[in-house]
Amino acid sequence: MIKTRLSNLILIALVPILTACSGIGSLDFPGVYKIAIPQGNIITQDMVNQLRPGMSKRQVIFVMGTPLVRDPFHQDRWDYIYSFQPGGGVRGQERITVFFSDDQLVSFTGDFIPDPEEQL
């Protein structure tokens, strides 16, 4: 009888632990603070507006910062990626890819386009 109670207590203690580890039925407590998670390079429209064809790689780093991804096989392509997930919210992502030729900025593509008024 003591063994049965002991085994029941162990089983009762293990069920919440196993449920928590499996990810099934994750608990969402109301009023609990959830941290916002920013990752990568912050990209703003002002930064993109400053990019000009013919800029050197050093000038692009000055404007945009160090790129998040530098492919060792494609040295003339830099990827800037920024993702943000507000606490408990949907994750958003922005990216811009910068292309060089002979260490000069040739073009860029991504989620931002240069403002034509800023180009003048």
C-alpha atoms as a PDB file:
ATOM      1  CA  MET A   1       0.000   0.000   0.000  1.00  0.00           C
ATOM      2  CA  ILE A   2       2.879   2.405   0.772  1.00  0.00           C
ATOM      3  CA  LYS A   3       4.548   1.460  -2.529  1.00  0.00           C
ATOM      4  CA  THR A   4       1.314   2.188  -4.384  1.00  0.00           C
ATOM      5  CA  ARG A   5       0.997   5.639  -2.773  1.00  0.00           C
ATOM      6  CA  LEU A   6       4.633   6.405  -3.455  1.00  0.00           C
ATOM      7  CA  SER A   7       4.331   5.397  -7.106  1.00  0.00           C
ATOM      8  CA  ASN A   8       1.143   7.468  -7.434  1.00  0.00           C
ATOM      9  CA  LEU A   9       2.906  10.514  -5.935  1.00  0.00           C
ATOM     10  CA  ILE A  10       5.850  10.092  -8.294  1.00  0.00           C
ATOM     11  CA  LEU A  11       3.478   9.776 -11.252  1.00  0.00           C
ATOM     12  CA  ILE A  12       1.542  12.874 -10.186  1.00  0.00           C
ATOM     13  CA  ALA A  13       4.808  14.818  -9.830  1.00  0.00           C
ATOM     14  CA  LEU A  14       6.129  13.693 -13.235  1.00  0.00           C
ATOM     15  CA  VAL A  15       3.020  14.468 -15.319  1.00  0.00           C
ATOM     16  CA  PRO A  16       3.402  18.306 -15.170  1.00  0.00           C
ATOM     17  CA  ILE A  17       7.129  18.049 -15.878  1.00  0.00           C
ATOM     18  CA  LEU A  18       6.618  15.824 -18.908  1.00  0.00           C
ATOM     19  CA  THR A  19       3.781  17.993 -20.180  1.00  0.00           C
ATOM     20  CA  ALA A  20       5.924  21.132 -19.881  1.00  0.00           C
ATOM     21  CA  CYS A  21       8.865  19.529 -21.690  1.00  0.00           C
ATOM     22  CA  SER A  22       6.787  18.230 -24.573  1.00  0.00           C
ATOM     23  CA  GLY A  23       5.444  21.648 -25.488  1.00  0.00           C
ATOM     24  CA  ILE A  24       1.897  20.315 -25.603  1.00  0.00           C
ATOM     25  CA  GLY A  25      -0.509  22.647 -23.931  1.00  0.00           C
ATOM     26  CA  SER A  26       1.907  25.488 -23.297  1.00  0.00           C
ATOM     27  CA  LEU A  27       0.464  27.729 -20.635  1.00  0.00           C
ATOM     28  CA  ASP A  28      -0.304  31.356 -21.390  1.00  0.00           C
ATOM     29  CA  PHE A  29      -0.776  33.222 -18.147  1.00  0.00           C
ATOM     30  CA  PRO A  30      -2.629  36.542 -18.453  1.00  0.00           C
ATOM     31  CA  GLY A  31      -0.749  39.580 -17.211  1.00  0.00           C
ATOM     32  CA  VAL A  32       2.658  37.947 -17.520  1.00  0.00           C
ATOM     33  CA  TYR A  33       5.251  40.176 -19.232  1.00  0.00           C
ATOM     34  CA  LYS A  34       6.686  38.775 -22.444  1.00  0.00           C
ATOM     35  CA  ILE A  35       9.918  40.234 -23.722  1.00  0.00           C
ATOM     36  CA  ALA A  36      10.195  41.717 -27.219  1.00  0.00           C
ATOM     37  CA  ILE A  37      12.939  40.058 -29.263  1.00  0.00           C
ATOM     38  CA  PRO A  38      14.819  42.207 -31.833  1.00  0.00           C
ATOM     39  CA  GLN A  39      17.500  40.468 -33.914  1.00  0.00           C
ATOM     40  CA  GLY A  40      19.823  41.577 -36.683  1.00  0.00           C
ATOM     41  CA  ASN A  41      20.502  45.009 -38.161  1.00  0.00           C
ATOM     42  CA  ILE A  42      17.949  47.752 -37.650  1.00  0.00           C
ATOM     43  CA  ILE A  43      17.090  49.106 -41.100  1.00  0.00           C
ATOM     44  CA  THR A  44      15.428  52.505 -41.528  1.00  0.00           C
ATOM     45  CA  GLN A  45      14.194  54.393 -44.566  1.00  0.00           C
ATOM     46  CA  ASP A  46      16.734  57.149 -43.814  1.00  0.00           C
ATOM     47  CA  MET A  47      19.561  54.628 -44.130  1.00  0.00           C
ATOM     48  CA  VAL A  48      18.275  53.368 -47.469  1.00  0.00           C
ATOM     49  CA  ASN A  49      17.852  56.945 -48.740  1.00  0.00           C
ATOM     50  CA  GLN A  50      21.568  57.574 -48.138  1.00  0.00           C
ATOM     51  CA  LEU A  51      22.691  54.693 -50.365  1.00  0.00           C
ATOM     52  CA  ARG A  52      24.060  55.835 -53.720  1.00  0.00           C
ATOM     53  CA  PRO A  53      25.554  53.873 -56.616  1.00  0.00           C
ATOM     54  CA  GLY A  54      29.342  54.130 -56.571  1.00  0.00           C
ATOM     55  CA  MET A  55      29.677  54.166 -52.780  1.00  0.00           C
ATOM     56  CA  SER A  56      32.578  52.129 -51.424  1.00  0.00           C
ATOM     57  CA  LYS A  57      32.069  49.197 -49.078  1.00  0.00           C
ATOM     58  CA  ARG A  58      33.379  51.312 -46.198  1.00  0.00           C
ATOM     59  CA  GLN A  59      30.819  54.018 -46.933  1.00  0.00           C
ATOM     60  CA  VAL A  60      28.013  51.449 -46.984  1.00  0.00           C
ATOM     61  CA  ILE A  61      29.190  50.083 -43.627  1.00  0.00           C
ATOM     62  CA  PHE A  62      29.185  53.658 -42.273  1.00  0.00           C
ATOM     63  CA  VAL A  63      25.556  54.136 -43.381  1.00  0.00           C
ATOM     64  CA  MET A  64      24.089  50.662 -42.813  1.00  0.00           C
ATOM     65  CA  GLY A  65      26.414  49.081 -40.259  1.00  0.00           C
ATOM     66  CA  THR A  66      28.158  45.737 -40.540  1.00  0.00           C
ATOM     67  CA  PRO A  67      26.041  43.298 -42.568  1.00  0.00           C
ATOM     68  CA  LEU A  68      24.458  40.382 -40.756  1.00  0.00           C
ATOM     69  CA  VAL A  69      25.400  37.903 -43.489  1.00  0.00           C
ATOM     70  CA  ARG A  70      28.545  37.975 -45.627  1.00  0.00           C
ATOM     71  CA  ASP A  71      28.693  34.959 -47.900  1.00  0.00           C
ATOM     72  CA  PRO A  72      32.319  33.836 -48.231  1.00  0.00           C
ATOM     73  CA  PHE A  73      31.613  32.583 -51.743  1.00  0.00           C
ATOM     74  CA  HIS A  74      29.926  35.825 -52.900  1.00  0.00           C
ATOM     75  CA  GLN A  75      31.963  38.696 -51.466  1.00  0.00           C
ATOM     76  CA  ASP A  76      30.052  41.249 -53.530  1.00  0.00           C
ATOM     77  CA  ARG A  77      26.698  40.535 -51.856  1.00  0.00           C
ATOM     78  CA  TRP A  78      25.783  41.661 -48.350  1.00  0.00           C
ATOM     79  CA  ASP A  79      22.506  40.856 -46.605  1.00  0.00           C
ATOM     80  CA  TYR A  80      21.032  43.028 -43.888  1.00  0.00           C
ATOM     81  CA  ILE A  81      18.198  41.311 -42.019  1.00  0.00           C
ATOM     82  CA  TYR A  82      16.135  42.597 -39.110  1.00  0.00           C
ATOM     83  CA  SER A  83      13.461  40.598 -37.346  1.00  0.00           C
ATOM     84  CA  PHE A  84      11.348  41.722 -34.435  1.00  0.00           C
ATOM     85  CA  GLN A  85       8.835  39.840 -32.369  1.00  0.00           C
ATOM     86  CA  PRO A  86       6.880  41.852 -29.838  1.00  0.00           C
ATOM     87  CA  GLY A  87       6.131  39.937 -26.647  1.00  0.00           C
ATOM     88  CA  GLY A  88       3.564  37.324 -27.581  1.00  0.00           C
ATOM     89  CA  GLY A  89       2.985  38.894 -31.001  1.00  0.00           C
ATOM     90  CA  VAL A  90       3.644  38.009 -34.599  1.00  0.00           C
ATOM     91  CA  ARG A  91       7.254  38.132 -35.805  1.00  0.00           C
ATOM     92  CA  GLY A  92       8.017  40.687 -38.514  1.00  0.00           C
ATOM     93  CA  GLN A  93      11.067  40.701 -40.757  1.00  0.00           C
ATOM     94  CA  GLU A  94      12.727  43.295 -42.985  1.00  0.00           C
ATOM     95  CA  ARG A  95      15.657  42.718 -45.279  1.00  0.00           C
ATOM     96  CA  ILE A  96      17.823  44.464 -47.807  1.00  0.00           C
ATOM     97  CA  THR A  97      20.516  42.967 -50.032  1.00  0.00           C
ATOM     98  CA  VAL A  98      23.365  45.165 -51.276  1.00  0.00           C
ATOM     99  CA  PHE A  99      25.395  44.289 -54.402  1.00  0.00           C
ATOM    100  CA  PHE A 100      28.906  45.499 -55.248  1.00  0.00           C
ATOM    101  CA  SER A 101      31.134  45.385 -58.290  1.00  0.00           C
ATOM    102  CA  ASP A 102      34.832  46.293 -57.950  1.00  0.00           C
ATOM    103  CA  ASP A 103      34.182  47.414 -54.350  1.00  0.00           C
ATOM    104  CA  GLN A 104      31.573  49.930 -55.558  1.00  0.00           C
ATOM    105  CA  LEU A 105      27.859  49.815 -54.718  1.00  0.00           C
ATOM    106  CA  VAL A 106      25.921  48.802 -57.825  1.00  0.00           C
ATOM    107  CA  SER A 107      22.387  48.107 -56.593  1.00  0.00           C
ATOM    108  CA  PHE A 108      20.263  46.928 -53.701  1.00  0.00           C
ATOM    109  CA  THR A 109      16.969  45.104 -53.340  1.00  0.00           C
ATOM    110  CA  GLY A 110      14.674  44.282 -50.479  1.00  0.00           C
ATOM    111  CA  ASP A 111      11.785  45.570 -48.436  1.00  0.00           C
ATOM    112  CA  PHE A 112      12.797  49.234 -48.760  1.00  0.00           C
ATOM    113  CA  ILE A 113      12.921  51.436 -51.838  1.00  0.00           C
ATOM    114  CA  PRO A 114      14.750  54.763 -51.977  1.00  0.00           C
ATOM    115  CA  ASP A 115      12.599  57.858 -51.580  1.00  0.00           C
ATOM    116  CA  PRO A 116      12.751  59.794 -54.906  1.00  0.00           C
ATOM    117  CA  GLU A 117      12.607  63.159 -53.091  1.00  0.00           C
ATOM    118  CA  GLU A 118      15.697  62.228 -51.066  1.00  0.00           C
ATOM    119  CA  GLN A 119      17.610  61.238 -54.213  1.00  0.00           C
ATOM    120  CA  LEU A 120      17.516  64.800 -55.587  1.00  0.00           C
END
